[in-house]
C-alpha atoms as a PDB file:
ATOM      1  CA  ARG A   1     258.703 107.728  11.600  1.00  0.00           C
ATOM      2  CA  LEU A   2     257.752 109.129  14.835  1.00  0.00           C
ATOM      3  CA  THR A   3     255.365 106.566  16.972  1.00  0.00           C
ATOM      4  CA  SER A   4     255.301 109.039  20.248  1.00  0.00           C
ATOM      5  CA  LEU A   5     255.654 112.528  20.674  1.00  0.00           C
ATOM      6  CA  VAL A   6     256.611 114.837  23.886  1.00  0.00           C
ATOM      7  CA  ILE A   7     255.635 118.587  23.699  1.00  0.00           C
ATOM      8  CA  PRO A   8     257.524 121.036  25.358  1.00  0.00           C
ATOM      9  CA  HIS A   9     255.750 123.822  27.014  1.00  0.00           C
ATOM     10  CA  GLN A  10     257.759 126.271  25.223  1.00  0.00           C
ATOM     11  CA  LEU A  11     256.617 125.416  21.985  1.00  0.00           C
ATOM     12  CA  THR A  12     254.535 127.527  19.812  1.00  0.00           C
ATOM     13  CA  LYS A  13     253.998 125.529  16.604  1.00  0.00           C
ATOM     14  CA  LEU A  14     253.848 121.874  16.120  1.00  0.00           C
ATOM     15  CA  PHE A  15     254.039 120.317  12.532  1.00  0.00           C
ATOM     16  CA  ALA A  16     254.475 116.353  12.677  1.00  0.00           C
ATOM     17  CA  SER A  17     252.149 115.001   9.781  1.00  0.00           C
ATOM     18  CA  LYS A  18     252.702 111.928   7.787  1.00  0.00           C
ATOM     19  CA  ASN A  19     254.115 110.310  10.555  1.00  0.00           C
ATOM     20  CA  ASN A  20     252.809 106.990  12.748  1.00  0.00           C
ATOM     21  CA  ILE A  21     252.180 109.001  16.240  1.00  0.00           C
ATOM     22  CA  SER A  22     249.861 107.068  18.124  1.00  0.00           C
ATOM     23  CA  SER A  23     250.959 108.604  21.621  1.00  0.00           C
ATOM     24  CA  ILE A  24     251.503 112.052  22.654  1.00  0.00           C
ATOM     25  CA  TYR A  25     252.300 113.743  26.323  1.00  0.00           C
ATOM     26  CA  ALA A  26     252.418 117.569  26.847  1.00  0.00           C
ATOM     27  CA  GLU A  27     255.374 118.104  29.230  1.00  0.00           C
ATOM     28  CA  SER A  28     253.319 120.942  31.142  1.00  0.00           C
ATOM     29  CA  ALA A  29     249.866 121.468  29.876  1.00  0.00           C
ATOM     30  CA  GLU A  30     248.945 124.428  32.193  1.00  0.00           C
ATOM     31  CA  LYS A  31     252.177 126.393  30.626  1.00  0.00           C
ATOM     32  CA  SER A  32     251.957 125.332  27.306  1.00  0.00           C
ATOM     33  CA  GLN A  33     252.196 128.334  24.669  1.00  0.00           C
ATOM     34  CA  LEU A  34     251.151 126.103  21.600  1.00  0.00           C
ATOM     35  CA  TYR A  35     248.769 127.684  19.531  1.00  0.00           C
ATOM     36  CA  SER A  36     249.287 125.813  16.329  1.00  0.00           C
ATOM     37  CA  MET A  37     249.261 121.854  15.883  1.00  0.00           C
ATOM     38  CA  SER A  38     249.077 119.801  12.665  1.00  0.00           C
ATOM     39  CA  LEU A  39     249.103 115.777  13.421  1.00  0.00           C
ATOM     40  CA  SER A  40     247.113 114.978  10.047  1.00  0.00           C
ATOM     41  CA  LYS A  41     247.950 111.734   8.768  1.00  0.00           C
ATOM     42  CA  ASN A  42     249.118 109.713  12.105  1.00  0.00           C
ATOM     43  CA  ASN A  43     247.645 106.962  14.045  1.00  0.00           C
ATOM     44  CA  LEU A  44     246.328 108.767  16.585  1.00  0.00           C
ATOM     45  CA  LYS A  45     243.029 107.080  18.506  1.00  0.00           C
ATOM     46  CA  ASP A  46     242.823 108.947  21.988  1.00  0.00           C
ATOM     47  CA  ILE A  47     243.329 112.800  21.728  1.00  0.00           C
ATOM     48  CA  ARG A  48     242.837 113.644  25.378  1.00  0.00           C
ATOM     49  CA  ASN A  49     246.148 114.869  25.911  1.00  0.00           C
ATOM     50  CA  ILE A  50     245.892 117.066  22.898  1.00  0.00           C
ATOM     51  CA  THR A  51     242.584 118.726  23.857  1.00  0.00           C
ATOM     52  CA  ILE A  52     244.003 119.811  27.278  1.00  0.00           C
ATOM     53  CA  LEU A  53     246.117 122.294  25.619  1.00  0.00           C
ATOM     54  CA  GLU A  54     243.852 125.622  26.053  1.00  0.00           C
ATOM     55  CA  THR A  55     246.030 127.779  24.132  1.00  0.00           C
ATOM     56  CA  LEU A  56     245.279 126.266  20.899  1.00  0.00           C
ATOM     57  CA  THR A  57     243.750 128.061  17.844  1.00  0.00           C
ATOM     58  CA  ILE A  58     244.597 125.905  14.956  1.00  0.00           C
ATOM     59  CA  LEU A  59     244.483 122.152  15.473  1.00  0.00           C
ATOM     60  CA  ASP A  60     244.441 119.496  12.373  1.00  0.00           C
ATOM     61  CA  LEU A  61     243.595 116.334  13.341  1.00  0.00           C
ATOM     62  CA  SER A  62     242.786 114.997   9.738  1.00  0.00           C
ATOM     63  CA  PHE A  63     243.263 111.185   8.881  1.00  0.00           C
ATOM     64  CA  ASN A  64     243.498 109.736  12.186  1.00  0.00           C
ATOM     65  CA  PRO A  65     241.340 107.094  13.412  1.00  0.00           C
ATOM     66  CA  ILE A  66     240.059 108.907  16.333  1.00  0.00           C
ATOM     67  CA  GLY A  67     236.435 107.866  16.067  1.00  0.00           C
ATOM     68  CA  PRO A  68     233.504 109.291  18.183  1.00  0.00           C
ATOM     69  CA  LEU A  69     233.994 112.316  20.180  1.00  0.00           C
ATOM     70  CA  HIS A  70     232.732 112.555  23.434  1.00  0.00           C
ATOM     71  CA  LEU A  71     230.682 115.896  24.854  1.00  0.00           C
ATOM     72  CA  THR A  72     233.512 117.028  26.685  1.00  0.00           C
ATOM     73  CA  THR A  73     236.234 116.570  23.973  1.00  0.00           C
ATOM     74  CA  PHE A  74     237.047 119.707  23.113  1.00  0.00           C
ATOM     75  CA  LEU A  75     235.560 121.669  26.248  1.00  0.00           C
ATOM     76  CA  LYS A  76     238.744 123.310  27.116  1.00  0.00           C
ATOM     77  CA  LEU A  77     239.789 124.678  23.226  1.00  0.00           C
ATOM     78  CA  LYS A  78     237.999 127.961  23.701  1.00  0.00           C
ATOM     79  CA  LYS A  79     240.455 129.588  21.522  1.00  0.00           C
ATOM     80  CA  LEU A  80     239.809 127.299  18.419  1.00  0.00           C
ATOM     81  CA  ILE A  81     239.714 128.963  15.241  1.00  0.00           C
ATOM     82  CA  ASP A  82     240.345 126.115  12.823  1.00  0.00           C
ATOM     83  CA  LEU A  83     239.753 122.565  13.244  1.00  0.00           C
ATOM     84  CA  ASN A  84     239.961 120.077  10.910  1.00  0.00           C
ATOM     85  CA  LEU A  85     238.288 116.608  11.617  1.00  0.00           C
ATOM     86  CA  GLU A  86     238.510 115.455   7.976  1.00  0.00           C
ATOM     87  CA  ALA A  87     238.475 111.488   7.512  1.00  0.00           C
ATOM     88  CA  THR A  88     238.742 110.653  11.430  1.00  0.00           C
ATOM     89  CA  GLN A  89     236.011 108.084  11.406  1.00  0.00           C
ATOM     90  CA  LEU A  90     233.104 110.287  12.851  1.00  0.00           C
ATOM     91  CA  GLN A  91     229.727 108.549  12.728  1.00  0.00           C
ATOM     92  CA  THR A  92     227.687 111.428  14.639  1.00  0.00           C
ATOM     93  CA  VAL A  93     228.307 114.922  16.159  1.00  0.00           C
ATOM     94  CA  GLU A  94     226.266 115.473  19.278  1.00  0.00           C
ATOM     95  CA  HIS A  95     224.334 118.570  20.488  1.00  0.00           C
ATOM     96  CA  GLY A  96     227.008 120.015  22.976  1.00  0.00           C
ATOM     97  CA  THR A  97     230.379 118.624  21.362  1.00  0.00           C
ATOM     98  CA  PHE A  98     231.240 122.234  19.993  1.00  0.00           C
ATOM     99  CA  THR A  99     229.552 124.237  22.745  1.00  0.00           C
ATOM    100  CA  GLN A 100     232.637 126.242  23.990  1.00  0.00           C
ATOM    101  CA  GLN A 101     233.798 126.662  20.124  1.00  0.00           C
ATOM    102  CA  SER A 102     232.316 130.404  20.160  1.00  0.00           C
ATOM    103  CA  LYS A 103     235.357 131.681  17.988  1.00  0.00           C
ATOM    104  CA  LEU A 104     235.475 128.991  15.753  1.00  0.00           C
ATOM    105  CA  ARG A 105     235.552 129.981  12.071  1.00  0.00           C
ATOM    106  CA  ARG A 106     236.757 127.018   9.981  1.00  0.00           C
ATOM    107  CA  LEU A 107     235.181 123.541  10.687  1.00  0.00           C
ATOM    108  CA  ASP A 108     236.191 120.349   8.408  1.00  0.00           C
ATOM    109  CA  LEU A 109     233.908 117.366   9.110  1.00  0.00           C
ATOM    110  CA  SER A 110     234.396 116.196   5.326  1.00  0.00           C
ATOM    111  CA  TYR A 111     234.938 112.417   4.292  1.00  0.00           C
ATOM    112  CA  ASN A 112     233.504 110.933   7.505  1.00  0.00           C
ATOM    113  CA  LEU A 113     230.374 108.708   8.460  1.00  0.00           C
ATOM    114  CA  LEU A 114     227.840 111.110   9.053  1.00  0.00           C
ATOM    115  CA  GLN A 115     224.831 110.059   7.195  1.00  0.00           C
ATOM    116  CA  LYS A 116     223.032 112.466   9.103  1.00  0.00           C
ATOM    117  CA  LEU A 117     223.811 115.721  10.448  1.00  0.00           C
ATOM    118  CA  ASP A 118     221.746 118.312  12.086  1.00  0.00           C
ATOM    119  CA  ILE A 119     222.742 122.083  11.546  1.00  0.00           C
ATOM    120  CA  SER A 120     221.674 122.816  14.988  1.00  0.00           C
ATOM    121  CA  VAL A 121     224.714 120.824  16.685  1.00  0.00           C
ATOM    122  CA  LEU A 122     226.882 123.935  15.506  1.00  0.00           C
ATOM    123  CA  VAL A 123     224.630 126.495  16.957  1.00  0.00           C
ATOM    124  CA  PRO A 124     227.332 127.298  19.346  1.00  0.00           C
ATOM    125  CA  THR A 125     229.678 128.516  16.443  1.00  0.00           C
ATOM    126  CA  PRO A 126     227.799 131.553  15.245  1.00  0.00           C
ATOM    127  CA  ASN A 127     231.248 132.869  13.601  1.00  0.00           C
ATOM    128  CA  LEU A 128     231.632 130.023  11.405  1.00  0.00           C
ATOM    129  CA  GLU A 129     232.837 131.014   7.948  1.00  0.00           C
ATOM    130  CA  THR A 130     234.063 127.675   6.242  1.00  0.00           C
ATOM    131  CA  LEU A 131     232.476 124.395   6.643  1.00  0.00           C
ATOM    132  CA  PHE A 132     233.115 121.058   4.843  1.00  0.00           C
ATOM    133  CA  ILE A 133     230.555 118.062   5.001  1.00  0.00           C
ATOM    134  CA  ASP A 134     231.878 116.751   1.832  1.00  0.00           C
ATOM    135  CA  GLY A 135     231.983 112.805   1.428  1.00  0.00           C
ATOM    136  CA  ASN A 136     229.590 111.850   3.851  1.00  0.00           C
ATOM    137  CA  GLY A 137     226.864 110.331   2.136  1.00  0.00           C
ATOM    138  CA  LEU A 138     224.493 112.772   3.362  1.00  0.00           C
ATOM    139  CA  GLN A 139     220.864 112.867   1.630  1.00  0.00           C
ATOM    140  CA  GLU A 140     219.499 115.819   3.656  1.00  0.00           C
ATOM    141  CA  PHE A 141     220.975 118.890   5.191  1.00  0.00           C
ATOM    142  CA  SER A 142     218.844 121.361   7.819  1.00  0.00           C
ATOM    143  CA  TYR A 143     220.125 124.598   5.583  1.00  0.00           C
ATOM    144  CA  GLU A 144     216.878 126.549   6.046  1.00  0.00           C
ATOM    145  CA  ASN A 145     218.001 128.720   8.953  1.00  0.00           C
ATOM    146  CA  MET A 146     221.673 128.162   8.083  1.00  0.00           C
ATOM    147  CA  GLN A 147     222.292 131.892   7.363  1.00  0.00           C
ATOM    148  CA  GLU A 148     220.217 133.062  10.476  1.00  0.00           C
ATOM    149  CA  LEU A 149     222.641 130.831  12.374  1.00  0.00           C
ATOM    150  CA  PHE A 150     225.995 131.574  10.578  1.00  0.00           C
ATOM    151  CA  PRO A 151     225.650 134.912   9.064  1.00  0.00           C
ATOM    152  CA  ASN A 152     229.493 135.103   8.111  1.00  0.00           C
ATOM    153  CA  LEU A 153     229.627 131.640   6.263  1.00  0.00           C
ATOM    154  CA  THR A 154     230.898 132.225   3.080  1.00  0.00           C
ATOM    155  CA  TYR A 155     231.618 128.643   1.831  1.00  0.00           C
ATOM    156  CA  LEU A 156     230.170 125.430   2.516  1.00  0.00           C
ATOM    157  CA  GLY A 157     231.477 122.187   0.760  1.00  0.00           C
ATOM    158  CA  LEU A 158     228.902 119.743  -0.554  1.00  0.00           C
ATOM    159  CA  PHE A 159     230.476 117.351  -2.859  1.00  0.00           C
ATOM    160  CA  ALA A 160     230.705 113.517  -2.989  1.00  0.00           C
ATOM    161  CA  ASN A 161     227.572 112.986  -1.165  1.00  0.00           C
ATOM    162  CA  SER A 162     224.204 111.380  -1.992  1.00  0.00           C
ATOM    163  CA  TRP A 163     221.934 114.137  -2.451  1.00  0.00           C
ATOM    164  CA  ASN A 164     218.803 113.590  -4.344  1.00  0.00           C
ATOM    165  CA  CYS A 165     218.881 116.184  -7.553  1.00  0.00           C
ATOM    166  CA  SER A 166     215.782 118.090  -6.784  1.00  0.00           C
ATOM    167  CA  TYR A 167     216.754 118.533  -3.019  1.00  0.00           C
ATOM    168  CA  LEU A 168     220.483 119.774  -4.026  1.00  0.00           C
ATOM    169  CA  THR A 169     219.034 122.101  -6.662  1.00  0.00           C
ATOM    170  CA  ASN A 170     217.118 123.857  -3.380  1.00  0.00           C
ATOM    171  CA  LEU A 171     220.235 123.698  -1.412  1.00  0.00           C
ATOM    172  CA  VAL A 172     222.295 125.186  -4.259  1.00  0.00           C
ATOM    173  CA  ARG A 173     219.947 127.886  -4.779  1.00  0.00           C
ATOM    174  CA  PHE A 174     219.766 129.043  -1.331  1.00  0.00           C
ATOM    175  CA  CYS A 175     223.674 129.056  -1.146  1.00  0.00           C
ATOM    176  CA  ASN A 176     223.746 131.057  -4.374  1.00  0.00           C
ATOM    177  CA  ARG A 177     221.133 133.555  -3.086  1.00  0.00           C
ATOM    178  CA  ASN A 178     222.949 133.944   0.386  1.00  0.00           C
ATOM    179  CA  LYS A 179     226.405 134.250  -1.505  1.00  0.00           C
ATOM    180  CA  ILE A 180     227.815 131.192   0.120  1.00  0.00           C
ATOM    181  CA  ALA A 181     230.404 129.869  -2.179  1.00  0.00           C
ATOM    182  CA  ILE A 182     229.867 125.899  -2.796  1.00  0.00           C
ATOM    183  CA  GLY A 183     232.806 125.299  -5.624  1.00  0.00           C
ATOM    184  CA  THR A 184     235.273 122.484  -4.631  1.00  0.00           C
ATOM    185  CA  THR A 185     238.254 123.610  -2.904  1.00  0.00           C
ATOM    186  CA  LYS A 186     239.706 119.915  -3.037  1.00  0.00           C
ATOM    187  CA  ASN A 187     241.604 118.574  -5.914  1.00  0.00           C
ATOM    188  CA  TYR A 188     239.367 115.580  -6.871  1.00  0.00           C
ATOM    189  CA  GLY A 189     237.420 118.123  -9.265  1.00  0.00           C
ATOM    190  CA  GLU A 190     233.745 118.334 -10.042  1.00  0.00           C
ATOM    191  CA  ILE A 191     231.128 115.521 -11.244  1.00  0.00           C
ATOM    192  CA  THR A 192     230.408 116.673 -14.866  1.00  0.00           C
ATOM    193  CA  HIS A 193     229.946 112.888 -16.373  1.00  0.00           C
ATOM    194  CA  MET A 194     227.212 112.089 -14.100  1.00  0.00           C
ATOM    195  CA  THR A 195     224.006 113.750 -12.870  1.00  0.00           C
ATOM    196  CA  ASN A 196     224.940 116.908 -11.097  1.00  0.00           C
ATOM    197  CA  VAL A 197     224.074 120.126  -9.793  1.00  0.00           C
ATOM    198  CA  GLN A 198     226.547 122.754 -10.631  1.00  0.00           C
ATOM    199  CA  GLY A 199     229.420 120.098 -10.569  1.00  0.00           C
ATOM    200  CA  ILE A 200     227.716 118.411  -7.698  1.00  0.00           C
ATOM    201  CA  TYR A 201     226.848 114.867  -7.862  1.00  0.00           C
ATOM    202  CA  CYS A 202     223.031 113.659  -7.233  1.00  0.00           C
ATOM    203  CA  ALA A 203     220.788 111.167  -7.987  1.00  0.00           C
ATOM    204  CA  ASN A 204     217.293 111.343  -9.511  1.00  0.00           C
ATOM    205  CA  SER A 205     216.200 108.051  -7.559  1.00  0.00           C
ATOM    206  CA  ASP A 206     217.574 105.669  -4.870  1.00  0.00           C
ATOM    207  CA  LYS A 207     218.351 102.952  -7.356  1.00  0.00           C
ATOM    208  CA  ASP A 208     220.645 105.572  -9.119  1.00  0.00           C
ATOM    209  CA  ARG A 209     222.292 106.859  -5.888  1.00  0.00           C
ATOM    210  CA  ILE A 210     226.280 105.961  -5.686  1.00  0.00           C
ATOM    211  CA  GLN A 211     228.693 106.749  -2.935  1.00  0.00           C
ATOM    212  CA  PHE A 212     231.866 108.263  -3.308  1.00  0.00           C
ATOM    213  CA  GLN A 213     234.864 107.077  -1.094  1.00  0.00           C
ATOM    214  CA  PRO A 214     238.381 108.068  -0.797  1.00  0.00           C
ATOM    215  CA  SER A 215     241.042 105.688  -1.783  1.00  0.00           C
ATOM    216  CA  LEU A 216     243.854 108.064  -1.019  1.00  0.00           C
ATOM    217  CA  ALA A 217     244.148 111.156   1.040  1.00  0.00           C
ATOM    218  CA  VAL A 218     242.279 114.241   0.606  1.00  0.00           C
ATOM    219  CA  SER A 219     243.926 117.518   0.846  1.00  0.00           C
ATOM    220  CA  HIS A 220     242.497 120.945   0.492  1.00  0.00           C
ATOM    221  CA  LEU A 221     243.810 123.752  -1.727  1.00  0.00           C
ATOM    222  CA  ASP A 222     242.754 126.517   0.987  1.00  0.00           C
ATOM    223  CA  GLU A 223     245.938 126.088   2.769  1.00  0.00           C
ATOM    224  CA  ASN A 224     246.515 129.711   3.406  1.00  0.00           C
ATOM    225  CA  PHE A 225     243.050 129.902   5.309  1.00  0.00           C
ATOM    226  CA  PHE A 226     243.403 132.390   8.775  1.00  0.00           C
ATOM    227  CA  ARG A 227     247.596 132.186   8.768  1.00  0.00           C
ATOM    228  CA  GLU A 228     248.873 135.692   9.341  1.00  0.00           C
ATOM    229  CA  GLU A 229     251.866 136.973   7.154  1.00  0.00           C
ATOM    230  CA  ASP A 230     254.512 136.032   9.583  1.00  0.00           C
ATOM    231  CA  THR A 231     253.027 132.329   9.689  1.00  0.00           C
ATOM    232  CA  GLN A 232     253.206 131.948   6.171  1.00  0.00           C
ATOM    233  CA  LEU A 233     256.691 132.928   5.854  1.00  0.00           C
ATOM    234  CA  LYS A 234     257.335 130.316   8.488  1.00  0.00           C
ATOM    235  CA  LEU A 235     255.772 127.549   6.283  1.00  0.00           C
ATOM    236  CA  ILE A 236     257.380 128.751   3.156  1.00  0.00           C
ATOM    237  CA  VAL A 237     260.862 128.100   5.011  1.00  0.00           C
ATOM    238  CA  ALA A 238     259.450 124.997   6.448  1.00  0.00           C
ATOM    239  CA  ASN A 239     258.732 123.741   2.971  1.00  0.00           C
ATOM    240  CA  VAL A 240     262.326 124.163   2.001  1.00  0.00           C
ATOM    241  CA  THR A 241     265.238 122.269   3.677  1.00  0.00           C
ATOM    242  CA  SER A 242     267.274 124.068   5.876  1.00  0.00           C
ATOM    243  CA  THR A 243     270.212 123.337   3.483  1.00  0.00           C
ATOM    244  CA  GLU A 244     268.422 124.677   0.528  1.00  0.00           C
ATOM    245  CA  PHE A 245     267.302 127.716   2.699  1.00  0.00           C
ATOM    246  CA  GLU A 246     271.059 128.570   3.755  1.00  0.00           C
ATOM    247  CA  TYR A 247     272.224 127.939   0.030  1.00  0.00           C
ATOM    248  CA  LYS A 248     269.767 130.472  -0.867  1.00  0.00           C
ATOM    249  CA  LEU A 249     270.760 132.650   1.747  1.00  0.00           C
ATOM    250  CA  MET A 250     274.577 132.286   1.187  1.00  0.00           C
ATOM    251  CA  VAL A 251     274.116 133.196  -2.389  1.00  0.00           C
ATOM    252  CA  GLU A 252     271.978 136.607  -1.624  1.00  0.00           C
ATOM    253  CA  LEU A 253     274.899 137.486   0.744  1.00  0.00           C
ATOM    254  CA  LEU A 254     277.659 136.787  -1.852  1.00  0.00           C
ATOM    255  CA  ASP A 255     275.655 138.863  -4.482  1.00  0.00           C
ATOM    256  CA  MET A 256     275.649 141.787  -1.947  1.00  0.00           C
ATOM    257  CA  ILE A 257     279.373 141.197  -0.962  1.00  0.00           C
ATOM    258  CA  ARG A 258     280.327 141.494  -4.772  1.00  0.00           C
ATOM    259  CA  ASN A 259     278.115 144.792  -5.214  1.00  0.00           C
ATOM    260  CA  VAL A 260     280.146 146.122  -2.014  1.00  0.00           C
ATOM    261  CA  ASN A 261     283.244 145.378  -3.313  1.00  0.00           C
ATOM    262  CA  ALA A 262     282.546 146.354  -6.862  1.00  0.00           C
ATOM    263  CA  SER A 263     281.995 149.640  -5.153  1.00  0.00           C
ATOM    264  CA  ASN A 264     284.918 149.728  -3.370  1.00  0.00           C
ATOM    265  CA  ALA A 265     287.267 148.907  -6.497  1.00  0.00           C
ATOM    266  CA  ASP A 266     285.870 151.693  -7.987  1.00  0.00           C
ATOM    267  CA  ARG A 267     286.777 153.992  -4.857  1.00  0.00           C
ATOM    268  CA  LEU A 268     289.968 152.482  -4.648  1.00  0.00           C
ATOM    269  CA  GLU A 269     290.738 153.454  -8.079  1.00  0.00           C
ATOM    270  CA  GLU A 270     289.943 157.082  -7.401  1.00  0.00           C
ATOM    271  CA  VAL A 271     292.221 156.850  -4.444  1.00  0.00           C
ATOM    272  CA  ARG A 272     295.233 155.270  -6.421  1.00  0.00           C
ATOM    273  CA  LYS A 273     294.786 158.334  -9.031  1.00  0.00           C
ATOM    274  CA  ILE A 274     295.272 160.695  -5.912  1.00  0.00           C
ATOM    275  CA  ALA A 275     298.255 158.745  -4.759  1.00  0.00           C
ATOM    276  CA  LEU A 276     299.850 158.762  -7.817  1.00  0.00           C
ATOM    277  CA  GLY A 277     299.321 162.369  -8.274  1.00  0.00           C
ATOM    278  CA  HIS A 278     300.948 162.654  -4.406  1.00  0.00           C
ATOM    279  CA  GLU A 279     303.906 160.583  -5.395  1.00  0.00           C
ATOM    280  CA  ARG A 280     304.815 163.053  -8.311  1.00  0.00           C
ATOM    281  CA  GLY A 281     305.112 165.839  -5.708  1.00  0.00           C
ATOM    282  CA  CYS A 282     306.321 164.057  -2.813  1.00  0.00           C
ATOM    283  CA  ASP A 283     309.273 161.879  -2.032  1.00  0.00           C
ATOM    284  CA  ALA A 284     308.796 158.052  -2.406  1.00  0.00           C
ATOM    285  CA  SER A 285     308.354 157.414   1.347  1.00  0.00           C
ATOM    286  CA  HIS A 286     305.276 159.217   1.640  1.00  0.00           C
ATOM    287  CA  ALA A 287     303.892 157.462  -1.699  1.00  0.00           C
ATOM    288  CA  ILE A 288     304.688 153.900   0.126  1.00  0.00           C
ATOM    289  CA  GLY A 289     303.159 154.855   3.395  1.00  0.00           C
ATOM    290  CA  PHE A 290     299.816 156.154   1.404  1.00  0.00           C
ATOM    291  CA  GLN A 291     299.415 152.734  -0.207  1.00  0.00           C
ATOM    292  CA  VAL A 292     300.251 150.785   2.722  1.00  0.00           C
ATOM    293  CA  PHE A 293     297.236 153.088   4.425  1.00  0.00           C
ATOM    294  CA  ILE A 294     294.887 151.833   1.571  1.00  0.00           C
ATOM    295  CA  MET A 295     295.793 148.128   1.875  1.00  0.00           C
ATOM    296  CA  LEU A 296     294.774 148.613   5.526  1.00  0.00           C
ATOM    297  CA  ILE A 297     291.341 149.868   4.165  1.00  0.00           C
ATOM    298  CA  LEU A 298     290.715 147.056   2.049  1.00  0.00           C
ATOM    299  CA  THR A 299     291.834 144.525   5.005  1.00  0.00           C
ATOM    300  CA  VAL A 300     289.213 146.285   7.203  1.00  0.00           C
ATOM    301  CA  ILE A 301     286.434 146.075   4.302  1.00  0.00           C
ATOM    302  CA  LEU A 302     287.490 142.365   3.707  1.00  0.00           C
ATOM    303  CA  VAL A 303     286.782 141.893   7.476  1.00  0.00           C
ATOM    304  CA  MET A 304     283.832 143.521   7.592  1.00  0.00           C
ATOM    305  CA  ASN A 305     282.399 141.568   4.953  1.00  0.00           C
ATOM    306  CA  VAL A 306     283.269 138.206   6.518  1.00  0.00           C
ATOM    307  CA  GLY A 307     281.913 139.555   9.492  1.00  0.00           C
ATOM    308  CA  PHE A 308     278.789 140.607   8.019  1.00  0.00           C
ATOM    309  CA  LEU A 309     278.307 137.046   6.484  1.00  0.00           C
ATOM    310  CA  LEU A 310     278.823 135.495   9.991  1.00  0.00           C
ATOM    311  CA  TYR A 311     276.230 137.876  11.564  1.00  0.00           C
ATOM    312  CA  VAL A 312     273.258 137.088   9.232  1.00  0.00           C
ATOM    313  CA  HIS A 313     274.084 133.347   9.198  1.00  0.00           C
ATOM    314  CA  TYR A 314     273.956 133.737  12.941  1.00  0.00           C
ATOM    315  CA  ASN A 315     270.516 135.354  13.059  1.00  0.00           C
ATOM    316  CA  ALA A 316     268.981 133.271  10.369  1.00  0.00           C
ATOM    317  CA  ASN A 317     269.973 130.409  13.004  1.00  0.00           C
ATOM    318  CA  ALA A 318     268.610 132.244  16.020  1.00  0.00           C
ATOM    319  CA  ARG A 319     265.779 133.137  14.510  1.00  0.00           C
ATOM    320  CA  ARG A 320     264.611 129.449  13.678  1.00  0.00           C
ATOM    321  CA  ALA A 321     265.612 128.742  17.312  1.00  0.00           C
ATOM    322  CA  ILE A 322     263.507 131.574  18.573  1.00  0.00           C
ATOM    323  CA  ASP A 323     260.539 130.565  16.515  1.00  0.00           C
ATOM    324  CA  ARG A 324     260.576 127.064  18.194  1.00  0.00           C
ATOM    325  CA  MET A 325     259.484 125.484  15.231  1.00  0.00           C
ATOM    326  CA  ILE A 326     259.346 121.894  15.341  1.00  0.00           C
ATOM    327  CA  ILE A 327     258.915 119.992  11.876  1.00  0.00           C
ATOM    328  CA  PHE A 328     259.123 116.231  12.516  1.00  0.00           C
ATOM    329  CA  LYS A 329     258.303 115.248   8.951  1.00  0.00           C
ATOM    330  CA  ARG A 330     257.681 116.840   5.577  1.00  0.00           C
ATOM    331  CA  GLY A 331     255.975 114.844   2.628  1.00  0.00           C
ATOM    332  CA  GLU A 332     254.996 115.785  -1.277  1.00  0.00           C
ATOM    333  CA  THR A 333     251.320 117.145  -1.037  1.00  0.00           C
ATOM    334  CA  ALA A 334     248.740 114.654  -0.931  1.00  0.00           C
ATOM    335  CA  SER A 335     246.682 113.814  -3.806  1.00  0.00           C
ATOM    336  CA  ILE A 336     242.972 112.383  -4.208  1.00  0.00           C
ATOM    337  CA  GLN A 337     241.596 109.503  -5.925  1.00  0.00           C
ATOM    338  CA  THR A 338     237.823 108.635  -5.654  1.00  0.00           C
ATOM    339  CA  GLN A 339     236.672 105.072  -6.327  1.00  0.00           C
ATOM    340  CA  MET A 340     232.740 104.798  -6.852  1.00  0.00           C
ATOM    341  CA  GLU A 341     230.897 102.023  -5.388  1.00  0.00           C
ATOM    342  CA  ASP A 342     226.989 100.750  -5.714  1.00  0.00           C
ATOM    343  CA  PHE A 343     224.874 102.502  -2.812  1.00  0.00           C
END
């Protein structure tokens, strides 16, 4: 597994999840073209060399022991649209942390240590559409002005907190009234065997309250959020090994060649019949010459088929090079297990 990483300035996308990266360095931050970075499940504690990359629009730092954020941490990331800080050991989010993130549309603060969260700290992000605050032990959340502050908000993750049932009932009603979805998009599922409101755990009293803590990685199911068609295609390719991809490509090409050759065989049969007719009316030398001409045509067709195969194979490799994608580590999709402890 990788422990350190150097980012070339020509790179546009970086996928280096599930490694052991603790240090990262950008060759030329001011020339960087990187707009999408996934460093989930590494060992990053210092992210200063990441947050200077001003071109970033998608940043996944989830499951890294980052700890407290400074007010200037994301100051240069004005283009951020998707920020994942899930399970990064955050204890507080201060006013001013996201002061430059006016374009932010998706923010994940789930499974941290946020016992309190003042919604006003997110005021600089008026375009927010999706917000995860699951798994933080929250008992209250200042939601009353949420619709005014975030008119585009369509999803709010509330699961695995320490809500009082009466309080949660009012919160859920507010979300339903304002068409804000609250159904889980994480694969730990809903709580139905304990007190709950629409599958979201709650307690009737302090003595009944329990705390949820993830014992394994938590993964979201909304992996296609804000990914254009081009990105989705590349992610599909990224999740198939190069050998499998090339094999599938070769099979498709061979099928195409077989179809072309079958069509050529039909044409050849027609030409052969014509040649036989000529042979009856002409001397033998003319017939032989005509058949040699047919063989030359077949040879040209064969060369064209081989050339086409090589051309497409070269283009496939060239496209991967042009895309400048680096995939350092692939792993199986994470699963979730939760354990319950007395609060």
